[in-house]
Amino acid sequence: MPLDHPAPQVDDHALTAEVARLNAALRHHSATDVLRAAFRHVPDLALVSSFGAESVALLHLTAMVNRDAAVIFIDTEMLFTETLVYQQEVAERLGLRNLTIVRSGSSHQHDPDRTLHQRDTDACCALRKVQPLQNALAGRGGWITGRKRFQSGRRATLDFFEVEEGTARIKVNPLAYWQPGDVADYIAENRLPRHPLVAQGYPSIGCAPCTSPVAAGEDPRAGRWRTSDKDECGIHFVNGKMIRTGAPS
């Protein structure tokens, strides 16, 4: 399913050089330093948050650096009720003053019976998540993600800053080098509210039909699209292709 506003094809050597410079300068710095630099150097920066299992850590860090930071939450209209309640609770607790909730404008037309995920999970993600996000990011210089190297093989080479392929945007990954214990420790030390489904065995939380509990010893993301080899929703793809991160091997 095509996006309403396909990303323009951009070959911007200056942007690539800027990303390389920022990564080199901040390689041994904290997530807070990365965020401060990002807000200084990336215009119209927005944090995209799922308000999932670990989201509150990055939301809190960002709020401490820039209370007026733009926050984008994608309501796929297939989320757990617990996620919607948690989103409101966290937004109020952290005083998020510039929060935008985006939804697909055509989900009722293209998926009237809400069964598209049963036939084509990629098309469902494109309709309910990828397309609305691309529309929300149009014209922005970059966006902040909560991705971390430990989450999956595709993210193992993630760096703090990267050029989003095919666009003129920079993606910022302040928690790229964090370990699972770092996230839990940060949440506990700052007494931040946990997503209620974490205690029920959901260490990674997406849409309700495509997320299941994870057993002890399983990969934290094993409960996402469990019956398929899919492991990304698609927001980190460009034109249907996975965005390669890190230095080429």
C-alpha atoms as a PDB file:
ATOM      1  CA  MET A   1       0.000   0.000   0.000  1.00  0.00           C
ATOM      2  CA  PRO A   2       1.679   3.234  -1.114  1.00  0.00           C
ATOM      3  CA  LEU A   3       2.228   6.124   1.268  1.00  0.00           C
ATOM      4  CA  ASP A   4       0.236   9.306   0.790  1.00  0.00           C
ATOM      5  CA  HIS A   5       3.504  11.237   0.639  1.00  0.00           C
ATOM      6  CA  PRO A   6       6.389   9.023  -0.562  1.00  0.00           C
ATOM      7  CA  ALA A   7       9.749  10.083   0.821  1.00  0.00           C
ATOM      8  CA  PRO A   8      11.775  12.071  -1.718  1.00  0.00           C
ATOM      9  CA  GLN A   9      14.967  10.545  -3.015  1.00  0.00           C
ATOM     10  CA  VAL A  10      17.809  12.579  -1.566  1.00  0.00           C
ATOM     11  CA  ASP A  11      21.558  12.300  -1.968  1.00  0.00           C
ATOM     12  CA  ASP A  12      22.759  14.766   0.613  1.00  0.00           C
ATOM     13  CA  HIS A  13      26.478  14.397   1.307  1.00  0.00           C
ATOM     14  CA  ALA A  14      26.378  17.278   3.779  1.00  0.00           C
ATOM     15  CA  LEU A  15      23.756  15.473   5.856  1.00  0.00           C
ATOM     16  CA  THR A  16      25.805  12.288   5.847  1.00  0.00           C
ATOM     17  CA  ALA A  17      28.874  14.224   6.940  1.00  0.00           C
ATOM     18  CA  GLU A  18      26.931  15.895   9.738  1.00  0.00           C
ATOM     19  CA  VAL A  19      25.716  12.535  11.018  1.00  0.00           C
ATOM     20  CA  ALA A  20      29.243  11.127  10.951  1.00  0.00           C
ATOM     21  CA  ARG A  21      30.533  14.164  12.823  1.00  0.00           C
ATOM     22  CA  LEU A  22      27.879  13.891  15.519  1.00  0.00           C
ATOM     23  CA  ASN A  23      28.481  10.170  15.994  1.00  0.00           C
ATOM     24  CA  ALA A  24      32.216  10.702  16.326  1.00  0.00           C
ATOM     25  CA  ALA A  25      31.830  13.582  18.763  1.00  0.00           C
ATOM     26  CA  LEU A  26      29.303  11.799  20.983  1.00  0.00           C
ATOM     27  CA  ARG A  27      30.479   8.205  20.774  1.00  0.00           C
ATOM     28  CA  HIS A  28      31.250   7.942  24.489  1.00  0.00           C
ATOM     29  CA  HIS A  29      28.569  10.337  25.712  1.00  0.00           C
ATOM     30  CA  SER A  30      25.303   9.742  27.518  1.00  0.00           C
ATOM     31  CA  ALA A  31      21.808   9.593  26.092  1.00  0.00           C
ATOM     32  CA  THR A  32      21.151  13.011  27.622  1.00  0.00           C
ATOM     33  CA  ASP A  33      24.125  14.496  25.755  1.00  0.00           C
ATOM     34  CA  VAL A  34      22.885  12.921  22.533  1.00  0.00           C
ATOM     35  CA  LEU A  35      19.452  14.461  23.013  1.00  0.00           C
ATOM     36  CA  ARG A  36      20.880  17.900  23.764  1.00  0.00           C
ATOM     37  CA  ALA A  37      23.009  17.752  20.620  1.00  0.00           C
ATOM     38  CA  ALA A  38      20.074  16.502  18.580  1.00  0.00           C
ATOM     39  CA  PHE A  39      17.845  19.401  19.593  1.00  0.00           C
ATOM     40  CA  ARG A  40      20.673  21.821  18.754  1.00  0.00           C
ATOM     41  CA  HIS A  41      21.502  20.409  15.339  1.00  0.00           C
ATOM     42  CA  VAL A  42      18.337  18.777  13.956  1.00  0.00           C
ATOM     43  CA  PRO A  43      15.525  21.176  12.995  1.00  0.00           C
ATOM     44  CA  ASP A  44      11.897  20.406  13.867  1.00  0.00           C
ATOM     45  CA  LEU A  45      12.894  17.270  15.747  1.00  0.00           C
ATOM     46  CA  ALA A  46      10.119  15.016  17.084  1.00  0.00           C
ATOM     47  CA  LEU A  47      10.103  11.997  19.377  1.00  0.00           C
ATOM     48  CA  VAL A  48       8.044   9.105  18.041  1.00  0.00           C
ATOM     49  CA  SER A  49       6.839   6.935  20.901  1.00  0.00           C
ATOM     50  CA  SER A  50       4.734   3.785  21.065  1.00  0.00           C
ATOM     51  CA  PHE A  51       4.179   4.259  24.817  1.00  0.00           C
ATOM     52  CA  GLY A  52       5.173   0.614  25.057  1.00  0.00           C
ATOM     53  CA  ALA A  53       7.079  -1.445  27.594  1.00  0.00           C
ATOM     54  CA  GLU A  54      10.233   0.696  27.701  1.00  0.00           C
ATOM     55  CA  SER A  55       9.015   3.972  26.208  1.00  0.00           C
ATOM     56  CA  VAL A  56       8.723   5.877  29.474  1.00  0.00           C
ATOM     57  CA  ALA A  57      12.527   5.995  29.900  1.00  0.00           C
ATOM     58  CA  LEU A  58      13.132   7.901  26.666  1.00  0.00           C
ATOM     59  CA  LEU A  59      10.049  10.055  27.175  1.00  0.00           C
ATOM     60  CA  HIS A  60      11.339  11.065  30.603  1.00  0.00           C
ATOM     61  CA  LEU A  61      14.863  11.773  29.312  1.00  0.00           C
ATOM     62  CA  THR A  62      13.493  13.885  26.484  1.00  0.00           C
ATOM     63  CA  ALA A  63      11.154  15.815  28.762  1.00  0.00           C
ATOM     64  CA  MET A  64      14.096  16.628  31.045  1.00  0.00           C
ATOM     65  CA  VAL A  65      16.086  18.005  28.110  1.00  0.00           C
ATOM     66  CA  ASN A  66      13.256  19.789  26.306  1.00  0.00           C
ATOM     67  CA  ARG A  67       9.860  20.006  27.967  1.00  0.00           C
ATOM     68  CA  ASP A  68       8.354  21.402  24.757  1.00  0.00           C
ATOM     69  CA  ALA A  69       9.677  18.621  22.531  1.00  0.00           C
ATOM     70  CA  ALA A  70       7.190  17.384  19.948  1.00  0.00           C
ATOM     71  CA  VAL A  71       5.983  13.858  20.740  1.00  0.00           C
ATOM     72  CA  ILE A  72       4.136  11.766  18.158  1.00  0.00           C
ATOM     73  CA  PHE A  73       2.016   8.795  19.230  1.00  0.00           C
ATOM     74  CA  ILE A  74       0.541   6.551  16.540  1.00  0.00           C
ATOM     75  CA  ASP A  75      -2.827   5.171  17.544  1.00  0.00           C
ATOM     76  CA  THR A  76      -3.242   2.218  15.185  1.00  0.00           C
ATOM     77  CA  GLU A  77      -6.763   1.673  16.505  1.00  0.00           C
ATOM     78  CA  MET A  78      -5.641  -1.904  17.214  1.00  0.00           C
ATOM     79  CA  LEU A  79      -3.748  -1.202  20.437  1.00  0.00           C
ATOM     80  CA  PHE A  80      -4.346  -2.749  23.831  1.00  0.00           C
ATOM     81  CA  THR A  81      -6.713  -0.723  25.994  1.00  0.00           C
ATOM     82  CA  GLU A  82      -3.947  -0.761  28.604  1.00  0.00           C
ATOM     83  CA  THR A  83      -1.649   1.087  26.165  1.00  0.00           C
ATOM     84  CA  LEU A  84      -4.188   3.844  25.561  1.00  0.00           C
ATOM     85  CA  VAL A  85      -4.746   4.340  29.288  1.00  0.00           C
ATOM     86  CA  TYR A  86      -0.993   4.227  29.934  1.00  0.00           C
ATOM     87  CA  GLN A  87      -0.357   6.827  27.224  1.00  0.00           C
ATOM     88  CA  GLN A  88      -2.661   9.274  28.962  1.00  0.00           C
ATOM     89  CA  GLU A  89      -1.147   8.536  32.363  1.00  0.00           C
ATOM     90  CA  VAL A  90       2.448   9.023  31.194  1.00  0.00           C
ATOM     91  CA  ALA A  91       1.664  12.178  29.211  1.00  0.00           C
ATOM     92  CA  GLU A  92       0.090  13.728  32.314  1.00  0.00           C
ATOM     93  CA  ARG A  93       2.818  12.500  34.665  1.00  0.00           C
ATOM     94  CA  LEU A  94       5.648  13.874  32.507  1.00  0.00           C
ATOM     95  CA  GLY A  95       3.838  17.048  31.517  1.00  0.00           C
ATOM     96  CA  LEU A  96       4.160  16.416  27.787  1.00  0.00           C
ATOM     97  CA  ARG A  97       2.934  19.708  26.384  1.00  0.00           C
ATOM     98  CA  ASN A  98       3.397  19.076  22.668  1.00  0.00           C
ATOM     99  CA  LEU A  99       1.867  15.643  22.098  1.00  0.00           C
ATOM    100  CA  THR A 100       0.213  14.735  18.806  1.00  0.00           C
ATOM    101  CA  ILE A 101      -1.860  11.583  18.358  1.00  0.00           C
ATOM    102  CA  VAL A 102      -2.021  10.435  14.733  1.00  0.00           C
ATOM    103  CA  ARG A 103      -4.270   7.835  13.149  1.00  0.00           C
ATOM    104  CA  SER A 104      -4.807   6.457   9.694  1.00  0.00           C
ATOM    105  CA  GLY A 105      -7.300   8.470   7.729  1.00  0.00           C
ATOM    106  CA  SER A 106      -8.289   5.499   5.595  1.00  0.00           C
ATOM    107  CA  SER A 107      -8.297   2.435   7.853  1.00  0.00           C
ATOM    108  CA  HIS A 108     -12.092   2.224   7.802  1.00  0.00           C
ATOM    109  CA  GLN A 109     -12.023   2.286   4.008  1.00  0.00           C
ATOM    110  CA  HIS A 110      -9.222  -0.247   3.479  1.00  0.00           C
ATOM    111  CA  ASP A 111      -9.850  -2.482   6.507  1.00  0.00           C
ATOM    112  CA  PRO A 112     -13.519  -2.058   7.427  1.00  0.00           C
ATOM    113  CA  ASP A 113     -13.783  -5.389   9.242  1.00  0.00           C
ATOM    114  CA  ARG A 114     -10.387  -4.994  10.981  1.00  0.00           C
ATOM    115  CA  THR A 115      -9.100  -8.332   9.687  1.00  0.00           C
ATOM    116  CA  LEU A 116      -6.325  -7.144   7.362  1.00  0.00           C
ATOM    117  CA  HIS A 117      -3.705  -8.256   9.896  1.00  0.00           C
ATOM    118  CA  GLN A 118      -4.928 -11.839   9.462  1.00  0.00           C
ATOM    119  CA  ARG A 119      -4.269 -11.757   5.708  1.00  0.00           C
ATOM    120  CA  ASP A 120      -1.284  -9.423   5.362  1.00  0.00           C
ATOM    121  CA  THR A 121       0.497  -8.060   8.430  1.00  0.00           C
ATOM    122  CA  ASP A 122       2.801  -5.865   6.340  1.00  0.00           C
ATOM    123  CA  ALA A 123      -0.146  -4.183   4.621  1.00  0.00           C
ATOM    124  CA  CYS A 124      -1.851  -3.673   7.979  1.00  0.00           C
ATOM    125  CA  CYS A 125       1.261  -2.034   9.454  1.00  0.00           C
ATOM    126  CA  ALA A 126       1.633   0.144   6.351  1.00  0.00           C
ATOM    127  CA  LEU A 127      -1.971   1.308   6.594  1.00  0.00           C
ATOM    128  CA  ARG A 128      -2.175   1.876  10.334  1.00  0.00           C
ATOM    129  CA  LYS A 129       1.374   2.842  11.289  1.00  0.00           C
ATOM    130  CA  VAL A 130       3.801   3.589   8.455  1.00  0.00           C
ATOM    131  CA  GLN A 131       1.560   5.853   6.399  1.00  0.00           C
ATOM    132  CA  PRO A 132       0.316   7.969   9.315  1.00  0.00           C
ATOM    133  CA  LEU A 133       3.868   8.388  10.632  1.00  0.00           C
ATOM    134  CA  GLN A 134       5.288   9.462   7.290  1.00  0.00           C
ATOM    135  CA  ASN A 135       2.520  12.040   6.995  1.00  0.00           C
ATOM    136  CA  ALA A 136       3.244  13.298  10.520  1.00  0.00           C
ATOM    137  CA  LEU A 137       6.987  13.565   9.834  1.00  0.00           C
ATOM    138  CA  ALA A 138       6.627  15.427   6.536  1.00  0.00           C
ATOM    139  CA  GLY A 139       8.752  18.574   6.622  1.00  0.00           C
ATOM    140  CA  ARG A 140      10.610  17.659   9.807  1.00  0.00           C
ATOM    141  CA  GLY A 141      14.389  17.491   9.965  1.00  0.00           C
ATOM    142  CA  GLY A 142      14.456  14.318  12.035  1.00  0.00           C
ATOM    143  CA  TRP A 143      12.914  12.074  14.644  1.00  0.00           C
ATOM    144  CA  ILE A 144      13.939  10.347  17.847  1.00  0.00           C
ATOM    145  CA  THR A 145      13.464   6.597  18.256  1.00  0.00           C
ATOM    146  CA  GLY A 146      13.797   4.252  21.219  1.00  0.00           C
ATOM    147  CA  ARG A 147      15.637   1.542  19.289  1.00  0.00           C
ATOM    148  CA  LYS A 148      18.511  -0.257  20.984  1.00  0.00           C
ATOM    149  CA  ARG A 149      21.246  -2.553  19.726  1.00  0.00           C
ATOM    150  CA  PHE A 150      20.243  -5.449  21.945  1.00  0.00           C
ATOM    151  CA  GLN A 151      16.699  -5.673  20.566  1.00  0.00           C
ATOM    152  CA  SER A 152      17.341  -7.654  17.394  1.00  0.00           C
ATOM    153  CA  GLY A 153      19.983  -8.634  14.885  1.00  0.00           C
ATOM    154  CA  ARG A 154      18.887  -5.900  12.485  1.00  0.00           C
ATOM    155  CA  ARG A 155      19.582  -3.282  15.136  1.00  0.00           C
ATOM    156  CA  ALA A 156      22.945  -4.660  16.254  1.00  0.00           C
ATOM    157  CA  THR A 157      24.972  -1.962  14.442  1.00  0.00           C
ATOM    158  CA  LEU A 158      22.739   0.959  15.387  1.00  0.00           C
ATOM    159  CA  ASP A 159      24.436   4.289  16.082  1.00  0.00           C
ATOM    160  CA  PHE A 160      23.242   7.473  17.788  1.00  0.00           C
ATOM    161  CA  PHE A 161      22.591   9.314  14.535  1.00  0.00           C
ATOM    162  CA  GLU A 162      21.750   8.024  11.070  1.00  0.00           C
ATOM    163  CA  VAL A 163      20.432   9.415   7.822  1.00  0.00           C
ATOM    164  CA  GLU A 164      17.015   8.031   7.025  1.00  0.00           C
ATOM    165  CA  GLU A 165      17.596   6.557   3.606  1.00  0.00           C
ATOM    166  CA  GLY A 166      15.688   8.229   0.792  1.00  0.00           C
ATOM    167  CA  THR A 167      14.815  11.295   2.867  1.00  0.00           C
ATOM    168  CA  ALA A 168      16.437  14.460   4.168  1.00  0.00           C
ATOM    169  CA  ARG A 169      15.747  13.411   7.764  1.00  0.00           C
ATOM    170  CA  ILE A 170      18.055  12.343  10.584  1.00  0.00           C
ATOM    171  CA  LYS A 171      17.045   9.551  12.932  1.00  0.00           C
ATOM    172  CA  VAL A 172      18.298   9.881  16.490  1.00  0.00           C
ATOM    173  CA  ASN A 173      18.717   6.801  18.687  1.00  0.00           C
ATOM    174  CA  PRO A 174      19.805   8.069  22.137  1.00  0.00           C
ATOM    175  CA  LEU A 175      19.460   4.633  23.766  1.00  0.00           C
ATOM    176  CA  ALA A 176      21.344   2.732  21.063  1.00  0.00           C
ATOM    177  CA  TYR A 177      24.008   1.440  23.454  1.00  0.00           C
ATOM    178  CA  TRP A 178      21.783   0.812  26.465  1.00  0.00           C
ATOM    179  CA  GLN A 179      21.445  -2.738  27.787  1.00  0.00           C
ATOM    180  CA  PRO A 180      18.191  -4.308  29.062  1.00  0.00           C
ATOM    181  CA  GLY A 181      19.222  -3.687  32.652  1.00  0.00           C
ATOM    182  CA  ASP A 182      19.865  -0.004  31.953  1.00  0.00           C
ATOM    183  CA  VAL A 183      16.269   0.573  30.926  1.00  0.00           C
ATOM    184  CA  ALA A 184      14.836  -1.220  33.957  1.00  0.00           C
ATOM    185  CA  ASP A 185      17.246   0.559  36.293  1.00  0.00           C
ATOM    186  CA  TYR A 186      16.399   3.989  34.865  1.00  0.00           C
ATOM    187  CA  ILE A 187      12.669   3.380  35.227  1.00  0.00           C
ATOM    188  CA  ALA A 188      13.089   2.176  38.811  1.00  0.00           C
ATOM    189  CA  GLU A 189      15.508   4.932  39.869  1.00  0.00           C
ATOM    190  CA  ASN A 190      13.200   7.630  38.558  1.00  0.00           C
ATOM    191  CA  ARG A 191      10.076   5.920  39.896  1.00  0.00           C
ATOM    192  CA  LEU A 192       8.418   5.982  36.500  1.00  0.00           C
ATOM    193  CA  PRO A 193       5.159   4.120  35.866  1.00  0.00           C
ATOM    194  CA  ARG A 194       5.499   0.783  34.100  1.00  0.00           C
ATOM    195  CA  HIS A 195       3.203  -0.341  31.328  1.00  0.00           C
ATOM    196  CA  PRO A 196       0.694  -2.654  33.079  1.00  0.00           C
ATOM    197  CA  LEU A 197       1.190  -5.446  30.541  1.00  0.00           C
ATOM    198  CA  VAL A 198       4.884  -5.831  31.426  1.00  0.00           C
ATOM    199  CA  ALA A 199       3.922  -7.617  34.632  1.00  0.00           C
ATOM    200  CA  GLN A 200       1.767  -9.967  32.559  1.00  0.00           C
ATOM    201  CA  GLY A 201       4.679 -11.190  30.442  1.00  0.00           C
ATOM    202  CA  TYR A 202       4.766  -8.613  27.652  1.00  0.00           C
ATOM    203  CA  PRO A 203       8.316  -7.156  27.428  1.00  0.00           C
ATOM    204  CA  SER A 204       7.585  -5.751  23.958  1.00  0.00           C
ATOM    205  CA  ILE A 205       4.141  -4.374  23.181  1.00  0.00           C
ATOM    206  CA  GLY A 206       2.561  -3.567  19.844  1.00  0.00           C
ATOM    207  CA  CYS A 207      -0.951  -4.018  18.501  1.00  0.00           C
ATOM    208  CA  ALA A 208      -3.152  -6.422  20.433  1.00  0.00           C
ATOM    209  CA  PRO A 209      -3.823  -8.966  17.645  1.00  0.00           C
ATOM    210  CA  CYS A 210      -0.119  -9.347  16.836  1.00  0.00           C
ATOM    211  CA  THR A 211       1.422  -9.336  20.329  1.00  0.00           C
ATOM    212  CA  SER A 212       1.575 -12.273  22.710  1.00  0.00           C
ATOM    213  CA  PRO A 213       3.227 -12.937  26.089  1.00  0.00           C
ATOM    214  CA  VAL A 214       6.854 -14.076  26.167  1.00  0.00           C
ATOM    215  CA  ALA A 215       8.036 -17.091  28.139  1.00  0.00           C
ATOM    216  CA  ALA A 216      11.077 -17.040  30.406  1.00  0.00           C
ATOM    217  CA  GLY A 217      14.266 -17.335  28.354  1.00  0.00           C
ATOM    218  CA  GLU A 218      12.684 -16.164  25.103  1.00  0.00           C
ATOM    219  CA  ASP A 219      13.871 -13.107  23.192  1.00  0.00           C
ATOM    220  CA  PRO A 220      11.938 -10.051  24.474  1.00  0.00           C
ATOM    221  CA  ARG A 221      10.538  -9.465  20.988  1.00  0.00           C
ATOM    222  CA  ALA A 222       9.497 -13.096  20.455  1.00  0.00           C
ATOM    223  CA  GLY A 223       5.903 -12.164  21.161  1.00  0.00           C
ATOM    224  CA  ARG A 224       5.703  -9.777  18.215  1.00  0.00           C
ATOM    225  CA  TRP A 225       4.202 -11.432  15.096  1.00  0.00           C
ATOM    226  CA  ARG A 226       4.957 -14.794  16.715  1.00  0.00           C
ATOM    227  CA  THR A 227       3.640 -16.941  13.875  1.00  0.00           C
ATOM    228  CA  SER A 228       5.729 -15.273  11.163  1.00  0.00           C
ATOM    229  CA  ASP A 229       9.326 -14.245  10.464  1.00  0.00           C
ATOM    230  CA  LYS A 230       8.320 -10.580  10.629  1.00  0.00           C
ATOM    231  CA  ASP A 231      10.172  -8.638  13.362  1.00  0.00           C
ATOM    232  CA  GLU A 232       9.667  -4.977  12.393  1.00  0.00           C
ATOM    233  CA  CYS A 233       6.447  -3.041  11.866  1.00  0.00           C
ATOM    234  CA  GLY A 234       7.887  -1.127   8.936  1.00  0.00           C
ATOM    235  CA  ILE A 235       8.375   2.393  10.287  1.00  0.00           C
ATOM    236  CA  HIS A 236      12.120   1.846  10.004  1.00  0.00           C
ATOM    237  CA  PHE A 237      11.831   0.840   6.341  1.00  0.00           C
ATOM    238  CA  VAL A 238      11.926   3.087   3.273  1.00  0.00           C
ATOM    239  CA  ASN A 239       9.816   2.113   0.265  1.00  0.00           C
ATOM    240  CA  GLY A 240       9.359  -1.336   1.767  1.00  0.00           C
ATOM    241  CA  LYS A 241      13.039  -1.967   2.348  1.00  0.00           C
ATOM    242  CA  MET A 242      14.857  -2.270   5.662  1.00  0.00           C
ATOM    243  CA  ILE A 243      17.052   0.724   6.414  1.00  0.00           C
ATOM    244  CA  ARG A 244      20.628  -0.398   6.972  1.00  0.00           C
ATOM    245  CA  THR A 245      22.150   1.126  10.087  1.00  0.00           C
ATOM    246  CA  GLY A 246      25.730   1.567  11.196  1.00  0.00           C
ATOM    247  CA  ALA A 247      28.886   1.412   9.139  1.00  0.00           C
ATOM    248  CA  PRO A 248      29.009  -0.927   6.168  1.00  0.00           C
ATOM    249  CA  SER A 249      30.722  -4.245   6.830  1.00  0.00           C
END
